[in-house]
Amino acid sequence: MKISALIAQLQLEQQKHGDLPIFTVDSDIGRMRVIPCKDGISRTTNGKPEEPNELVLEFHPAD
């Protein structure tokens, strides 16, 4: 899924149901980390991050 499709789906749900909290299957979301990756791996070369071709979303549960 691309960023635009994810945003569009979330906006549609927000219009239908209001600005509700979002949960994962396991827990409520305390914070989210977005990790730019190239083929699933976040790497740097000479201290410079590689050009990403995807994003990994890491959800952390609320305390």
C-alpha atoms as a PDB file:
ATOM      1  CA  MET A   1       0.000   0.000   0.000  1.00  0.00           C
ATOM      2  CA  LYS A   2       1.283   3.462  -0.825  1.00  0.00           C
ATOM      3  CA  ILE A   3       1.205   6.457   1.523  1.00  0.00           C
ATOM      4  CA  SER A   4      -1.534   8.127  -0.551  1.00  0.00           C
ATOM      5  CA  ALA A   5      -3.795   5.056  -0.312  1.00  0.00           C
ATOM      6  CA  LEU A   6      -3.263   4.766   3.446  1.00  0.00           C
ATOM      7  CA  ILE A   7      -4.028   8.461   3.986  1.00  0.00           C
ATOM      8  CA  ALA A   8      -7.099   8.279   1.745  1.00  0.00           C
ATOM      9  CA  GLN A   9      -8.449   5.280   3.669  1.00  0.00           C
ATOM     10  CA  LEU A  10      -7.851   6.949   7.027  1.00  0.00           C
ATOM     11  CA  GLN A  11      -9.490  10.178   5.828  1.00  0.00           C
ATOM     12  CA  LEU A  12     -12.523   8.239   4.573  1.00  0.00           C
ATOM     13  CA  GLU A  13     -12.882   6.476   7.928  1.00  0.00           C
ATOM     14  CA  GLN A  14     -12.443   9.794   9.756  1.00  0.00           C
ATOM     15  CA  GLN A  15     -15.236  11.365   7.680  1.00  0.00           C
ATOM     16  CA  LYS A  16     -17.535   8.403   8.399  1.00  0.00           C
ATOM     17  CA  HIS A  17     -16.798   7.912  12.081  1.00  0.00           C
ATOM     18  CA  GLY A  18     -15.057  11.060  13.364  1.00  0.00           C
ATOM     19  CA  ASP A  19     -11.552  11.476  14.745  1.00  0.00           C
ATOM     20  CA  LEU A  20     -11.450   8.229  16.731  1.00  0.00           C
ATOM     21  CA  PRO A  21      -8.438   6.635  18.437  1.00  0.00           C
ATOM     22  CA  ILE A  22      -6.601   3.962  16.447  1.00  0.00           C
ATOM     23  CA  PHE A  23      -5.523   0.619  17.887  1.00  0.00           C
ATOM     24  CA  THR A  24      -3.493  -2.281  16.555  1.00  0.00           C
ATOM     25  CA  VAL A  25      -4.737  -5.840  17.028  1.00  0.00           C
ATOM     26  CA  ASP A  26      -2.447  -6.159  20.064  1.00  0.00           C
ATOM     27  CA  SER A  27      -2.743  -2.793  21.839  1.00  0.00           C
ATOM     28  CA  ASP A  28      -3.461   0.896  21.634  1.00  0.00           C
ATOM     29  CA  ILE A  29      -0.816   2.984  19.886  1.00  0.00           C
ATOM     30  CA  GLY A  30       1.345   5.140  22.117  1.00  0.00           C
ATOM     31  CA  ARG A  31       3.611   6.348  19.348  1.00  0.00           C
ATOM     32  CA  MET A  32       4.669   5.478  15.850  1.00  0.00           C
ATOM     33  CA  ARG A  33       8.113   5.410  14.302  1.00  0.00           C
ATOM     34  CA  VAL A  34       8.538   5.709  10.542  1.00  0.00           C
ATOM     35  CA  ILE A  35      11.668   4.021   9.193  1.00  0.00           C
ATOM     36  CA  PRO A  36      12.728   4.855   5.620  1.00  0.00           C
ATOM     37  CA  CYS A  37      14.185   1.668   4.084  1.00  0.00           C
ATOM     38  CA  LYS A  38      15.543   0.264   0.875  1.00  0.00           C
ATOM     39  CA  ASP A  39      14.142  -3.215   0.335  1.00  0.00           C
ATOM     40  CA  GLY A  40      13.321  -3.600   4.033  1.00  0.00           C
ATOM     41  CA  ILE A  41      16.688  -2.469   5.379  1.00  0.00           C
ATOM     42  CA  SER A  42      17.652   0.925   6.776  1.00  0.00           C
ATOM     43  CA  ARG A  43      21.285   1.557   5.798  1.00  0.00           C
ATOM     44  CA  THR A  44      23.735   4.409   5.626  1.00  0.00           C
ATOM     45  CA  THR A  45      26.824   4.775   3.448  1.00  0.00           C
ATOM     46  CA  ASN A  46      29.535   7.105   4.748  1.00  0.00           C
ATOM     47  CA  GLY A  47      27.021   8.491   7.247  1.00  0.00           C
ATOM     48  CA  LYS A  48      24.447   9.295   4.549  1.00  0.00           C
ATOM     49  CA  PRO A  49      21.149   7.336   4.489  1.00  0.00           C
ATOM     50  CA  GLU A  50      20.408   5.419   1.304  1.00  0.00           C
ATOM     51  CA  GLU A  51      17.550   6.664  -0.865  1.00  0.00           C
ATOM     52  CA  PRO A  52      14.484   4.792   0.479  1.00  0.00           C
ATOM     53  CA  ASN A  53      12.087   2.887  -1.739  1.00  0.00           C
ATOM     54  CA  GLU A  54       9.642   2.078   1.076  1.00  0.00           C
ATOM     55  CA  LEU A  55       8.648   3.032   4.622  1.00  0.00           C
ATOM     56  CA  VAL A  56       8.289   0.688   7.583  1.00  0.00           C
ATOM     57  CA  LEU A  57       5.764   1.754  10.231  1.00  0.00           C
ATOM     58  CA  GLU A  58       6.665   0.644  13.748  1.00  0.00           C
ATOM     59  CA  PHE A  59       3.851   1.003  16.289  1.00  0.00           C
ATOM     60  CA  HIS A  60       4.720   1.195  19.986  1.00  0.00           C
ATOM     61  CA  PRO A  61       2.050   0.396  22.550  1.00  0.00           C
ATOM     62  CA  ALA A  62       0.841   3.006  25.013  1.00  0.00           C
ATOM     63  CA  ASP A  63       2.020   2.660  28.597  1.00  0.00           C
END
